[in-house]
Amino acid sequence: MASGAMAVMAEHRCNGLTGTPLTLNFRVVNQSPGARLSTEVDAEEVRVYPNPFQGSFRLKSPVKGPLLLYDVSSHKVLELSTVQPEQAIQPSPDLAPGVYFLQVGEGANVQRRKLLKIP
């Protein structure tokens, strides 16, 4: 994509009826490779899958240390003193569906991920 001013034109439709044409004007300001999304996975990053999860999820972690899982109210719902490089994590079956925050490691090596538990 080229840098500079861009425009996208669209038309709103409701119940099959044509609405008012809309124009969105924007400017591309940063084309550096660091500003782009990438599907490459860093070997030093914690990976969690599947996400969303139902009963359990798998963790791949180069980080050593504790694993903590918090709910959106910052209540700790799971704590493991150490993690293996790859392991299955089985939270309590009573864990309600919702958003959770996973923290692996401690100090300068801590990594965090957002997880979604589905019914």
C-alpha atoms as a PDB file:
ATOM      1  CA  MET A   1       0.000   0.000   0.000  1.00  0.00           C
ATOM      2  CA  ALA A   2       1.280   3.432  -0.876  1.00  0.00           C
ATOM      3  CA  SER A   3       1.722   6.166   1.685  1.00  0.00           C
ATOM      4  CA  GLY A   4      -0.437   9.283   1.590  1.00  0.00           C
ATOM      5  CA  ALA A   5      -4.101  10.204   1.553  1.00  0.00           C
ATOM      6  CA  MET A   6      -6.641   7.464   0.810  1.00  0.00           C
ATOM      7  CA  ALA A   7     -10.431   7.261   0.576  1.00  0.00           C
ATOM      8  CA  VAL A   8     -12.903   4.404   0.835  1.00  0.00           C
ATOM      9  CA  MET A   9     -16.394   4.855  -0.543  1.00  0.00           C
ATOM     10  CA  ALA A  10     -19.273   2.730   0.726  1.00  0.00           C
ATOM     11  CA  GLU A  11     -23.035   2.710   0.604  1.00  0.00           C
ATOM     12  CA  HIS A  12     -25.222   1.897   3.583  1.00  0.00           C
ATOM     13  CA  ARG A  13     -28.115  -0.471   2.840  1.00  0.00           C
ATOM     14  CA  CYS A  14     -30.974  -1.278   5.159  1.00  0.00           C
ATOM     15  CA  ASN A  15     -33.695  -3.830   4.325  1.00  0.00           C
ATOM     16  CA  GLY A  16     -32.552  -3.832   0.706  1.00  0.00           C
ATOM     17  CA  LEU A  17     -32.951  -0.059   0.342  1.00  0.00           C
ATOM     18  CA  THR A  18     -30.015   2.052  -0.784  1.00  0.00           C
ATOM     19  CA  GLY A  19     -28.935   4.656   1.712  1.00  0.00           C
ATOM     20  CA  THR A  20     -26.619   7.621   1.658  1.00  0.00           C
ATOM     21  CA  PRO A  21     -23.167   7.067   0.130  1.00  0.00           C
ATOM     22  CA  LEU A  22     -20.432   7.410   2.748  1.00  0.00           C
ATOM     23  CA  THR A  23     -16.788   8.333   2.238  1.00  0.00           C
ATOM     24  CA  LEU A  24     -14.050   7.573   4.763  1.00  0.00           C
ATOM     25  CA  ASN A  25     -10.893   9.615   4.295  1.00  0.00           C
ATOM     26  CA  PHE A  26      -7.657   8.513   5.976  1.00  0.00           C
ATOM     27  CA  ARG A  27      -3.905   8.891   5.671  1.00  0.00           C
ATOM     28  CA  VAL A  28      -1.305   6.100   5.761  1.00  0.00           C
ATOM     29  CA  VAL A  29       1.392   7.448   8.077  1.00  0.00           C
ATOM     30  CA  ASN A  30       3.630   4.498   8.958  1.00  0.00           C
ATOM     31  CA  GLN A  31       4.588   1.806   6.484  1.00  0.00           C
ATOM     32  CA  SER A  32       7.547   0.417   8.424  1.00  0.00           C
ATOM     33  CA  PRO A  33       7.639  -3.397   8.777  1.00  0.00           C
ATOM     34  CA  GLY A  34       7.272  -3.007  12.555  1.00  0.00           C
ATOM     35  CA  ALA A  35       3.911  -1.313  12.086  1.00  0.00           C
ATOM     36  CA  ARG A  36       2.438  -4.267  10.200  1.00  0.00           C
ATOM     37  CA  LEU A  37       0.727  -7.274  11.675  1.00  0.00           C
ATOM     38  CA  SER A  38       2.616 -10.535  11.357  1.00  0.00           C
ATOM     39  CA  THR A  39       1.667 -14.189  11.610  1.00  0.00           C
ATOM     40  CA  GLU A  40       5.213 -15.163  12.578  1.00  0.00           C
ATOM     41  CA  VAL A  41       5.555 -16.495  16.112  1.00  0.00           C
ATOM     42  CA  ASP A  42       8.550 -15.500  18.217  1.00  0.00           C
ATOM     43  CA  ALA A  43      10.206 -18.545  19.804  1.00  0.00           C
ATOM     44  CA  GLU A  44      10.544 -16.579  23.052  1.00  0.00           C
ATOM     45  CA  GLU A  45       6.814 -15.909  23.368  1.00  0.00           C
ATOM     46  CA  VAL A  46       4.275 -17.812  25.431  1.00  0.00           C
ATOM     47  CA  ARG A  47       1.665 -19.458  23.215  1.00  0.00           C
ATOM     48  CA  VAL A  48      -1.784 -20.525  24.417  1.00  0.00           C
ATOM     49  CA  TYR A  49      -4.239 -22.590  22.371  1.00  0.00           C
ATOM     50  CA  PRO A  50      -7.047 -23.059  21.691  1.00  0.00           C
ATOM     51  CA  ASN A  51      -8.274 -19.601  22.478  1.00  0.00           C
ATOM     52  CA  PRO A  52     -11.202 -19.425  23.066  1.00  0.00           C
ATOM     53  CA  PHE A  53     -11.145 -22.621  25.136  1.00  0.00           C
ATOM     54  CA  GLN A  54     -13.790 -24.759  26.816  1.00  0.00           C
ATOM     55  CA  GLY A  55     -12.494 -27.100  29.519  1.00  0.00           C
ATOM     56  CA  SER A  56      -8.730 -26.821  29.122  1.00  0.00           C
ATOM     57  CA  PHE A  57      -6.013 -25.180  27.052  1.00  0.00           C
ATOM     58  CA  ARG A  58      -2.407 -25.945  26.118  1.00  0.00           C
ATOM     59  CA  LEU A  59       0.539 -23.779  26.989  1.00  0.00           C
ATOM     60  CA  LYS A  60       3.902 -23.582  25.204  1.00  0.00           C
ATOM     61  CA  SER A  61       6.278 -21.481  27.230  1.00  0.00           C
ATOM     62  CA  PRO A  62       9.992 -20.747  27.067  1.00  0.00           C
ATOM     63  CA  VAL A  63       9.450 -18.761  30.278  1.00  0.00           C
ATOM     64  CA  LYS A  64      10.115 -20.475  33.602  1.00  0.00           C
ATOM     65  CA  GLY A  65       8.279 -19.583  36.760  1.00  0.00           C
ATOM     66  CA  PRO A  66       4.743 -19.470  38.090  1.00  0.00           C
ATOM     67  CA  LEU A  67       1.493 -19.440  36.141  1.00  0.00           C
ATOM     68  CA  LEU A  68      -1.371 -17.278  37.376  1.00  0.00           C
ATOM     69  CA  LEU A  69      -4.867 -16.978  35.911  1.00  0.00           C
ATOM     70  CA  TYR A  70      -7.036 -13.996  36.865  1.00  0.00           C
ATOM     71  CA  ASP A  71     -10.656 -13.135  36.121  1.00  0.00           C
ATOM     72  CA  VAL A  72     -11.694  -9.646  34.953  1.00  0.00           C
ATOM     73  CA  SER A  73     -12.078  -8.555  38.595  1.00  0.00           C
ATOM     74  CA  SER A  74      -8.381  -9.406  39.228  1.00  0.00           C
ATOM     75  CA  HIS A  75      -9.291 -12.400  41.404  1.00  0.00           C
ATOM     76  CA  LYS A  76      -6.751 -15.203  41.143  1.00  0.00           C
ATOM     77  CA  VAL A  77      -8.595 -18.307  39.897  1.00  0.00           C
ATOM     78  CA  LEU A  78      -5.597 -20.585  39.248  1.00  0.00           C
ATOM     79  CA  GLU A  79      -1.990 -20.707  40.428  1.00  0.00           C
ATOM     80  CA  LEU A  80       0.770 -23.146  39.456  1.00  0.00           C
ATOM     81  CA  SER A  81       4.218 -22.777  41.012  1.00  0.00           C
ATOM     82  CA  THR A  82       6.062 -23.794  37.829  1.00  0.00           C
ATOM     83  CA  VAL A  83       5.229 -24.483  34.211  1.00  0.00           C
ATOM     84  CA  GLN A  84       6.654 -27.040  31.816  1.00  0.00           C
ATOM     85  CA  PRO A  85       7.824 -26.016  28.326  1.00  0.00           C
ATOM     86  CA  GLU A  86       4.597 -27.553  27.003  1.00  0.00           C
ATOM     87  CA  GLN A  87       1.663 -28.667  29.107  1.00  0.00           C
ATOM     88  CA  ALA A  88      -2.108 -28.891  29.320  1.00  0.00           C
ATOM     89  CA  ILE A  89      -3.764 -26.518  31.777  1.00  0.00           C
ATOM     90  CA  GLN A  90      -7.036 -27.700  33.320  1.00  0.00           C
ATOM     91  CA  PRO A  91      -8.754 -24.931  35.318  1.00  0.00           C
ATOM     92  CA  SER A  92     -11.555 -25.828  37.711  1.00  0.00           C
ATOM     93  CA  PRO A  93     -14.688 -27.181  36.005  1.00  0.00           C
ATOM     94  CA  ASP A  94     -16.553 -24.487  37.977  1.00  0.00           C
ATOM     95  CA  LEU A  95     -14.726 -21.722  36.099  1.00  0.00           C
ATOM     96  CA  ALA A  96     -17.429 -19.573  34.504  1.00  0.00           C
ATOM     97  CA  PRO A  97     -17.313 -18.622  30.817  1.00  0.00           C
ATOM     98  CA  GLY A  98     -15.731 -15.215  30.301  1.00  0.00           C
ATOM     99  CA  VAL A  99     -12.472 -13.302  29.839  1.00  0.00           C
ATOM    100  CA  TYR A 100      -9.391 -14.296  31.836  1.00  0.00           C
ATOM    101  CA  PHE A 101      -5.830 -13.006  32.038  1.00  0.00           C
ATOM    102  CA  LEU A 102      -2.944 -15.468  32.068  1.00  0.00           C
ATOM    103  CA  GLN A 103       0.422 -14.487  33.526  1.00  0.00           C
ATOM    104  CA  VAL A 104       3.472 -16.719  33.083  1.00  0.00           C
ATOM    105  CA  GLY A 105       6.845 -16.031  34.679  1.00  0.00           C
ATOM    106  CA  GLU A 106       7.888 -13.245  36.983  1.00  0.00           C
ATOM    107  CA  GLY A 107       9.969 -10.079  37.032  1.00  0.00           C
ATOM    108  CA  ALA A 108      11.455  -9.004  33.700  1.00  0.00           C
ATOM    109  CA  ASN A 109      10.465 -12.347  32.114  1.00  0.00           C
ATOM    110  CA  VAL A 110       6.717 -12.108  32.779  1.00  0.00           C
ATOM    111  CA  GLN A 111       4.373 -12.541  29.824  1.00  0.00           C
ATOM    112  CA  ARG A 112       0.606 -12.027  29.807  1.00  0.00           C
ATOM    113  CA  ARG A 113      -2.153 -13.291  27.529  1.00  0.00           C
ATOM    114  CA  LYS A 114      -5.889 -12.710  27.379  1.00  0.00           C
ATOM    115  CA  LEU A 115      -8.022 -15.878  27.223  1.00  0.00           C
ATOM    116  CA  LEU A 116     -11.691 -16.452  26.564  1.00  0.00           C
ATOM    117  CA  LYS A 117     -13.520 -19.379  28.138  1.00  0.00           C
ATOM    118  CA  ILE A 118     -16.662 -20.396  26.266  1.00  0.00           C
ATOM    119  CA  PRO A 119     -19.499 -22.664  27.456  1.00  0.00           C
END
